[in-house]
Amino acid sequence: MLCVLAHPDDVDFGSAGTIATWVDAGLEVAYLLVTRGDAGGFDDTPREQMPILREAEQRAAAAAVGVKQVEFLDGYRDGVLEPTIALRRDITAAIRRFRPDRVLTNSPLRRWDRLAGPSHPDHLAAGEATTCAVYPDARNPFTFTDIGLEAWTVREIWYSGGPDPDHIVDITDVFPRKLAALRAHASQTSHIEGFDEMLRQRHAMVATAAGLPEGRLAEGFSVFATA
């Protein structure tokens, strides 16, 4: 499983519970972050320190759910991400190198009901570029031939944060690990009052909408086969 997201913390807000269940099931999971989140934060941390801080936070968050492999792309700035050919090429290289059966990424679809968060332009750009890398780029042996890696077909793509999710994962039992992962992103979450309860309520709403019993917590995705 390869998770390709725009910023540090994206994977944890949307998917850390699900990823914890994958790790528990013995699946191999790796993260690829397109930016280091240099435009994030809420205090007077020097701007030049923010990418270093957020990379360390993401590695700690990954460890909280059992993910050991975390990589970052170079050359892409937080806040001005675009689904360029260069970005598609870099993600294609990662797919051909990791050879995942499943790719999880930001949804490329804007949500008008939640403009803040899921519909961040960087999220849309990362989702679009990753989608293009999954199909057609990574599987086409005549695309990006200079990479020097064999073509690879991803069998399934999971979108996080998009409208009308059709696949629900019960994360109740692993919720403490998701919470620990998000607490690791202190530069983004430590100033939010009542953060733990806010997160619990958000995932309770997803579970209730999916018809899960009261007291359960869930994450939602849109899942597509790529064949």
C-alpha atoms as a PDB file:
ATOM      1  CA  MET A   1       0.000   0.000   0.000  1.00  0.00           C
ATOM      2  CA  LEU A   2       1.389   3.378  -1.031  1.00  0.00           C
ATOM      3  CA  CYS A   3      -0.180   6.516   0.445  1.00  0.00           C
ATOM      4  CA  VAL A   4       0.511   9.663  -1.597  1.00  0.00           C
ATOM      5  CA  LEU A   5      -0.646  12.878   0.075  1.00  0.00           C
ATOM      6  CA  ALA A   6       0.007  16.588  -0.320  1.00  0.00           C
ATOM      7  CA  HIS A   7       1.094  17.534   3.220  1.00  0.00           C
ATOM      8  CA  PRO A   8       2.318  16.034   6.465  1.00  0.00           C
ATOM      9  CA  ASP A   9      -0.821  15.265   8.552  1.00  0.00           C
ATOM     10  CA  ASP A  10      -3.120  14.679   5.529  1.00  0.00           C
ATOM     11  CA  VAL A  11      -2.717  10.934   5.795  1.00  0.00           C
ATOM     12  CA  ASP A  12      -3.395  11.018   9.525  1.00  0.00           C
ATOM     13  CA  PHE A  13      -6.482  13.230   9.468  1.00  0.00           C
ATOM     14  CA  GLY A  14      -8.109  11.163   6.753  1.00  0.00           C
ATOM     15  CA  SER A  15      -6.746   7.664   7.049  1.00  0.00           C
ATOM     16  CA  ALA A  16      -4.568   6.874  10.078  1.00  0.00           C
ATOM     17  CA  GLY A  17      -7.176   4.574  11.609  1.00  0.00           C
ATOM     18  CA  THR A  18      -7.589   2.600   8.410  1.00  0.00           C
ATOM     19  CA  ILE A  19      -3.835   2.382   7.968  1.00  0.00           C
ATOM     20  CA  ALA A  20      -3.485   1.045  11.508  1.00  0.00           C
ATOM     21  CA  THR A  21      -5.902  -1.759  10.577  1.00  0.00           C
ATOM     22  CA  TRP A  22      -3.849  -2.503   7.452  1.00  0.00           C
ATOM     23  CA  VAL A  23      -0.650  -2.717   9.477  1.00  0.00           C
ATOM     24  CA  ASP A  24      -2.362  -4.981  12.018  1.00  0.00           C
ATOM     25  CA  ALA A  25      -3.441  -7.239   9.139  1.00  0.00           C
ATOM     26  CA  GLY A  26       0.191  -7.634   8.086  1.00  0.00           C
ATOM     27  CA  LEU A  27       0.039  -5.370   5.032  1.00  0.00           C
ATOM     28  CA  GLU A  28       3.093  -3.343   4.041  1.00  0.00           C
ATOM     29  CA  VAL A  29       2.362   0.396   3.999  1.00  0.00           C
ATOM     30  CA  ALA A  30       4.581   3.274   2.853  1.00  0.00           C
ATOM     31  CA  TYR A  31       3.991   7.043   2.793  1.00  0.00           C
ATOM     32  CA  LEU A  32       5.002   9.502   0.089  1.00  0.00           C
ATOM     33  CA  LEU A  33       4.481  13.173   1.003  1.00  0.00           C
ATOM     34  CA  VAL A  34       4.591  15.634  -1.878  1.00  0.00           C
ATOM     35  CA  THR A  35       5.489  18.686   0.273  1.00  0.00           C
ATOM     36  CA  ARG A  36       6.968  19.211   3.711  1.00  0.00           C
ATOM     37  CA  GLY A  37       4.175  21.543   4.788  1.00  0.00           C
ATOM     38  CA  ASP A  38       6.273  24.698   4.844  1.00  0.00           C
ATOM     39  CA  ALA A  39       3.189  26.949   4.830  1.00  0.00           C
ATOM     40  CA  GLY A  40       1.678  25.284   7.907  1.00  0.00           C
ATOM     41  CA  GLY A  41       1.779  26.132  11.594  1.00  0.00           C
ATOM     42  CA  PHE A  42       0.038  28.666  13.840  1.00  0.00           C
ATOM     43  CA  ASP A  43       2.735  30.401  15.862  1.00  0.00           C
ATOM     44  CA  ASP A  44       6.010  32.292  15.372  1.00  0.00           C
ATOM     45  CA  THR A  45       8.127  29.240  14.536  1.00  0.00           C
ATOM     46  CA  PRO A  46      10.747  30.472  12.022  1.00  0.00           C
ATOM     47  CA  ARG A  47       9.574  29.643   8.527  1.00  0.00           C
ATOM     48  CA  GLU A  48      12.825  27.936   7.616  1.00  0.00           C
ATOM     49  CA  GLN A  49      12.332  25.508  10.509  1.00  0.00           C
ATOM     50  CA  MET A  50       8.780  24.497   9.598  1.00  0.00           C
ATOM     51  CA  PRO A  51       9.632  21.886   6.892  1.00  0.00           C
ATOM     52  CA  ILE A  52      12.171  20.253   9.224  1.00  0.00           C
ATOM     53  CA  LEU A  53       9.684  20.220  12.090  1.00  0.00           C
ATOM     54  CA  ARG A  54       6.831  18.838  10.023  1.00  0.00           C
ATOM     55  CA  GLU A  55       8.935  16.083   8.488  1.00  0.00           C
ATOM     56  CA  ALA A  56       9.889  14.924  11.993  1.00  0.00           C
ATOM     57  CA  GLU A  57       6.238  15.108  13.077  1.00  0.00           C
ATOM     58  CA  GLN A  58       5.144  12.976  10.143  1.00  0.00           C
ATOM     59  CA  ARG A  59       7.719  10.308  10.905  1.00  0.00           C
ATOM     60  CA  ALA A  60       6.553  10.206  14.542  1.00  0.00           C
ATOM     61  CA  ALA A  61       2.918  10.015  13.425  1.00  0.00           C
ATOM     62  CA  ALA A  62       3.718   7.133  11.076  1.00  0.00           C
ATOM     63  CA  ALA A  63       5.395   5.258  13.905  1.00  0.00           C
ATOM     64  CA  ALA A  64       2.237   5.646  16.016  1.00  0.00           C
ATOM     65  CA  VAL A  65       0.294   3.490  13.549  1.00  0.00           C
ATOM     66  CA  GLY A  66       3.164   1.154  12.704  1.00  0.00           C
ATOM     67  CA  VAL A  67       4.319   2.597   9.373  1.00  0.00           C
ATOM     68  CA  LYS A  68       8.096   2.484   9.005  1.00  0.00           C
ATOM     69  CA  GLN A  69       8.720   3.841   5.504  1.00  0.00           C
ATOM     70  CA  VAL A  70       8.120   7.576   4.981  1.00  0.00           C
ATOM     71  CA  GLU A  71       9.488   9.493   2.011  1.00  0.00           C
ATOM     72  CA  PHE A  72       9.194  13.104   0.848  1.00  0.00           C
ATOM     73  CA  LEU A  73       9.480  14.558  -2.619  1.00  0.00           C
ATOM     74  CA  ASP A  74      11.803  17.512  -3.104  1.00  0.00           C
ATOM     75  CA  GLY A  75      11.062  20.746  -4.931  1.00  0.00           C
ATOM     76  CA  TYR A  76       7.334  21.153  -4.227  1.00  0.00           C
ATOM     77  CA  ARG A  77       6.027  24.025  -2.070  1.00  0.00           C
ATOM     78  CA  ASP A  78       3.105  23.895   0.291  1.00  0.00           C
ATOM     79  CA  GLY A  79       0.269  26.139  -0.881  1.00  0.00           C
ATOM     80  CA  VAL A  80       1.172  26.382  -4.572  1.00  0.00           C
ATOM     81  CA  LEU A  81       1.061  22.727  -5.648  1.00  0.00           C
ATOM     82  CA  GLU A  82      -0.032  21.992  -9.213  1.00  0.00           C
ATOM     83  CA  PRO A  83      -0.628  18.634 -10.990  1.00  0.00           C
ATOM     84  CA  THR A  84       2.313  19.156 -13.326  1.00  0.00           C
ATOM     85  CA  ILE A  85       3.984  16.639 -15.595  1.00  0.00           C
ATOM     86  CA  ALA A  86       7.012  16.807 -13.286  1.00  0.00           C
ATOM     87  CA  LEU A  87       4.878  15.831 -10.295  1.00  0.00           C
ATOM     88  CA  ARG A  88       3.247  13.016 -12.253  1.00  0.00           C
ATOM     89  CA  ARG A  89       6.701  11.763 -13.188  1.00  0.00           C
ATOM     90  CA  ASP A  90       7.919  11.798  -9.584  1.00  0.00           C
ATOM     91  CA  ILE A  91       4.845   9.933  -8.343  1.00  0.00           C
ATOM     92  CA  THR A  92       5.128   7.475 -11.233  1.00  0.00           C
ATOM     93  CA  ALA A  93       8.714   6.769 -10.187  1.00  0.00           C
ATOM     94  CA  ALA A  94       7.560   6.037  -6.645  1.00  0.00           C
ATOM     95  CA  ILE A  95       4.803   3.719  -7.860  1.00  0.00           C
ATOM     96  CA  ARG A  96       7.197   1.799 -10.088  1.00  0.00           C
ATOM     97  CA  ARG A  97       9.669   1.534  -7.237  1.00  0.00           C
ATOM     98  CA  PHE A  98       7.221   0.507  -4.493  1.00  0.00           C
ATOM     99  CA  ARG A  99       5.026  -1.607  -6.831  1.00  0.00           C
ATOM    100  CA  PRO A 100       1.894  -1.260  -4.662  1.00  0.00           C
ATOM    101  CA  ASP A 101      -1.370  -3.115  -5.168  1.00  0.00           C
ATOM    102  CA  ARG A 102      -3.274  -0.175  -3.675  1.00  0.00           C
ATOM    103  CA  VAL A 103      -2.674   3.586  -3.719  1.00  0.00           C
ATOM    104  CA  LEU A 104      -4.388   5.914  -1.252  1.00  0.00           C
ATOM    105  CA  THR A 105      -4.436   9.623  -2.034  1.00  0.00           C
ATOM    106  CA  ASN A 106      -6.273  12.916  -1.570  1.00  0.00           C
ATOM    107  CA  SER A 107      -9.534  13.106  -3.469  1.00  0.00           C
ATOM    108  CA  PRO A 108      -9.178  15.285  -6.585  1.00  0.00           C
ATOM    109  CA  LEU A 109     -12.848  16.342  -6.296  1.00  0.00           C
ATOM    110  CA  ARG A 110     -13.789  19.614  -4.618  1.00  0.00           C
ATOM    111  CA  ARG A 111     -16.358  19.400  -1.821  1.00  0.00           C
ATOM    112  CA  TRP A 112     -18.600  22.442  -1.607  1.00  0.00           C
ATOM    113  CA  ASP A 113     -19.988  21.253   1.740  1.00  0.00           C
ATOM    114  CA  ARG A 114     -16.461  21.224   3.252  1.00  0.00           C
ATOM    115  CA  LEU A 115     -14.495  23.850   1.399  1.00  0.00           C
ATOM    116  CA  ALA A 116     -11.925  24.080   4.216  1.00  0.00           C
ATOM    117  CA  GLY A 117      -9.753  21.019   4.634  1.00  0.00           C
ATOM    118  CA  PRO A 118     -10.597  18.407   2.001  1.00  0.00           C
ATOM    119  CA  SER A 119     -10.891  20.979  -0.784  1.00  0.00           C
ATOM    120  CA  HIS A 120      -7.503  22.610  -0.215  1.00  0.00           C
ATOM    121  CA  PRO A 121      -6.047  23.264  -3.716  1.00  0.00           C
ATOM    122  CA  ASP A 122      -2.928  21.274  -2.814  1.00  0.00           C
ATOM    123  CA  HIS A 123      -5.099  18.261  -1.959  1.00  0.00           C
ATOM    124  CA  LEU A 124      -6.885  18.482  -5.286  1.00  0.00           C
ATOM    125  CA  ALA A 125      -3.584  18.813  -7.141  1.00  0.00           C
ATOM    126  CA  ALA A 126      -1.977  15.866  -5.356  1.00  0.00           C
ATOM    127  CA  GLY A 127      -5.034  13.714  -5.991  1.00  0.00           C
ATOM    128  CA  GLU A 128      -5.129  14.636  -9.674  1.00  0.00           C
ATOM    129  CA  ALA A 129      -1.412  14.031 -10.214  1.00  0.00           C
ATOM    130  CA  THR A 130      -1.543  10.713  -8.362  1.00  0.00           C
ATOM    131  CA  THR A 131      -4.564   9.597 -10.363  1.00  0.00           C
ATOM    132  CA  CYS A 132      -2.730  10.335 -13.592  1.00  0.00           C
ATOM    133  CA  ALA A 133       0.340   8.512 -12.297  1.00  0.00           C
ATOM    134  CA  VAL A 134      -1.763   5.445 -11.487  1.00  0.00           C
ATOM    135  CA  TYR A 135      -3.403   5.629 -14.907  1.00  0.00           C
ATOM    136  CA  PRO A 136      -1.982   5.880 -17.444  1.00  0.00           C
ATOM    137  CA  ASP A 137       1.566   6.832 -16.484  1.00  0.00           C
ATOM    138  CA  ALA A 138       2.917   4.095 -14.198  1.00  0.00           C
ATOM    139  CA  ARG A 139       1.526   1.203 -16.226  1.00  0.00           C
ATOM    140  CA  ASN A 140       2.615   2.497 -19.637  1.00  0.00           C
ATOM    141  CA  PRO A 141       6.145   1.242 -20.427  1.00  0.00           C
ATOM    142  CA  PHE A 142       6.529   3.991 -23.027  1.00  0.00           C
ATOM    143  CA  THR A 143       5.894   6.844 -20.568  1.00  0.00           C
ATOM    144  CA  PHE A 144       8.748   8.351 -18.525  1.00  0.00           C
ATOM    145  CA  THR A 145      11.210   5.848 -19.931  1.00  0.00           C
ATOM    146  CA  ASP A 146      14.112   7.825 -18.435  1.00  0.00           C
ATOM    147  CA  ILE A 147      13.121   6.722 -14.930  1.00  0.00           C
ATOM    148  CA  GLY A 148      14.723   3.346 -15.530  1.00  0.00           C
ATOM    149  CA  LEU A 149      12.026   1.361 -13.717  1.00  0.00           C
ATOM    150  CA  GLU A 150       9.643  -1.231 -15.119  1.00  0.00           C
ATOM    151  CA  ALA A 151       6.004  -0.296 -15.636  1.00  0.00           C
ATOM    152  CA  TRP A 152       3.634  -1.232 -12.835  1.00  0.00           C
ATOM    153  CA  THR A 153      -0.177  -1.494 -12.691  1.00  0.00           C
ATOM    154  CA  VAL A 154      -1.852  -0.432  -9.457  1.00  0.00           C
ATOM    155  CA  ARG A 155      -4.968  -2.535  -8.964  1.00  0.00           C
ATOM    156  CA  GLU A 156      -6.960  -0.215  -6.700  1.00  0.00           C
ATOM    157  CA  ILE A 157      -7.096   3.467  -5.739  1.00  0.00           C
ATOM    158  CA  TRP A 158      -8.577   4.866  -2.522  1.00  0.00           C
ATOM    159  CA  TYR A 159      -9.589   8.525  -2.269  1.00  0.00           C
ATOM    160  CA  SER A 160      -9.673  10.248   1.106  1.00  0.00           C
ATOM    161  CA  GLY A 161     -11.707  13.358   1.862  1.00  0.00           C
ATOM    162  CA  GLY A 162     -13.930  13.274  -1.196  1.00  0.00           C
ATOM    163  CA  PRO A 163     -17.706  13.620  -1.460  1.00  0.00           C
ATOM    164  CA  ASP A 164     -20.056  10.664  -0.876  1.00  0.00           C
ATOM    165  CA  PRO A 165     -17.607   7.976   0.296  1.00  0.00           C
ATOM    166  CA  ASP A 166     -18.713   4.464  -0.598  1.00  0.00           C
ATOM    167  CA  HIS A 167     -16.319   2.406   1.530  1.00  0.00           C
ATOM    168  CA  ILE A 168     -16.408   2.646   5.333  1.00  0.00           C
ATOM    169  CA  VAL A 169     -13.734   1.334   7.696  1.00  0.00           C
ATOM    170  CA  ASP A 170     -14.568   0.853  11.383  1.00  0.00           C
ATOM    171  CA  ILE A 171     -11.647   2.393  13.301  1.00  0.00           C
ATOM    172  CA  THR A 172     -13.099   2.247  16.825  1.00  0.00           C
ATOM    173  CA  ASP A 173     -10.516  -0.174  18.173  1.00  0.00           C
ATOM    174  CA  VAL A 174      -7.554   1.701  16.688  1.00  0.00           C
ATOM    175  CA  PHE A 175      -8.810   5.227  17.368  1.00  0.00           C
ATOM    176  CA  PRO A 176      -6.273   5.821  20.183  1.00  0.00           C
ATOM    177  CA  ARG A 177      -3.472   5.226  17.670  1.00  0.00           C
ATOM    178  CA  LYS A 178      -5.026   7.639  15.181  1.00  0.00           C
ATOM    179  CA  LEU A 179      -5.261  10.202  17.956  1.00  0.00           C
ATOM    180  CA  ALA A 180      -1.624   9.614  18.883  1.00  0.00           C
ATOM    181  CA  ALA A 181      -0.619  10.096  15.246  1.00  0.00           C
ATOM    182  CA  LEU A 182      -2.428  13.429  15.071  1.00  0.00           C
ATOM    183  CA  ARG A 183      -1.031  14.585  18.397  1.00  0.00           C
ATOM    184  CA  ALA A 184       2.419  14.008  16.880  1.00  0.00           C
ATOM    185  CA  HIS A 185       1.578  16.859  14.479  1.00  0.00           C
ATOM    186  CA  ALA A 186       1.845  19.340  17.342  1.00  0.00           C
ATOM    187  CA  SER A 187       2.591  22.271  15.026  1.00  0.00           C
ATOM    188  CA  GLN A 188      -0.847  21.770  13.483  1.00  0.00           C
ATOM    189  CA  THR A 189      -3.054  20.417  16.275  1.00  0.00           C
ATOM    190  CA  SER A 190      -1.793  21.455  19.716  1.00  0.00           C
ATOM    191  CA  HIS A 191      -3.590  24.819  19.631  1.00  0.00           C
ATOM    192  CA  ILE A 192      -7.035  23.354  18.880  1.00  0.00           C
ATOM    193  CA  GLU A 193      -9.197  23.308  22.003  1.00  0.00           C
ATOM    194  CA  GLY A 194     -11.149  20.095  22.510  1.00  0.00           C
ATOM    195  CA  PHE A 195      -9.286  18.430  19.655  1.00  0.00           C
ATOM    196  CA  ASP A 196      -9.763  14.859  20.918  1.00  0.00           C
ATOM    197  CA  GLU A 197     -13.528  15.231  21.259  1.00  0.00           C
ATOM    198  CA  MET A 198     -13.840  17.080  17.943  1.00  0.00           C
ATOM    199  CA  LEU A 199     -12.081  14.208  16.191  1.00  0.00           C
ATOM    200  CA  ARG A 200     -14.220  11.604  17.952  1.00  0.00           C
ATOM    201  CA  GLN A 201     -17.425  13.389  16.952  1.00  0.00           C
ATOM    202  CA  ARG A 202     -16.294  13.677  13.333  1.00  0.00           C
ATOM    203  CA  HIS A 203     -15.670   9.946  13.052  1.00  0.00           C
ATOM    204  CA  ALA A 204     -18.837   9.105  14.957  1.00  0.00           C
ATOM    205  CA  MET A 205     -20.781  11.035  12.312  1.00  0.00           C
ATOM    206  CA  VAL A 206     -19.162   8.983   9.553  1.00  0.00           C
ATOM    207  CA  ALA A 207     -20.038   5.761  11.374  1.00  0.00           C
ATOM    208  CA  THR A 208     -23.636   6.828  12.016  1.00  0.00           C
ATOM    209  CA  ALA A 209     -24.148   7.864   8.385  1.00  0.00           C
ATOM    210  CA  ALA A 210     -22.911   4.429   7.328  1.00  0.00           C
ATOM    211  CA  GLY A 211     -25.333   2.640   9.646  1.00  0.00           C
ATOM    212  CA  LEU A 212     -22.785   1.376  12.161  1.00  0.00           C
ATOM    213  CA  PRO A 213     -23.959   0.832  15.754  1.00  0.00           C
ATOM    214  CA  GLU A 214     -23.932   3.713  18.211  1.00  0.00           C
ATOM    215  CA  GLY A 215     -20.526   4.317  19.727  1.00  0.00           C
ATOM    216  CA  ARG A 216     -18.571   3.187  16.688  1.00  0.00           C
ATOM    217  CA  LEU A 217     -16.087   5.391  14.817  1.00  0.00           C
ATOM    218  CA  ALA A 218     -15.253   5.214  11.118  1.00  0.00           C
ATOM    219  CA  GLU A 219     -13.311   6.654   8.208  1.00  0.00           C
ATOM    220  CA  GLY A 220     -14.804   6.886   4.717  1.00  0.00           C
ATOM    221  CA  PHE A 221     -13.264   6.519   1.268  1.00  0.00           C
ATOM    222  CA  SER A 222     -14.153   6.301  -2.386  1.00  0.00           C
ATOM    223  CA  VAL A 223     -12.594   3.104  -3.751  1.00  0.00           C
ATOM    224  CA  PHE A 224     -12.129   2.200  -7.405  1.00  0.00           C
ATOM    225  CA  ALA A 225     -10.582  -0.691  -9.288  1.00  0.00           C
ATOM    226  CA  THR A 226      -8.210   0.605 -11.947  1.00  0.00           C
ATOM    227  CA  ALA A 227      -8.595  -2.108 -14.586  1.00  0.00           C
END
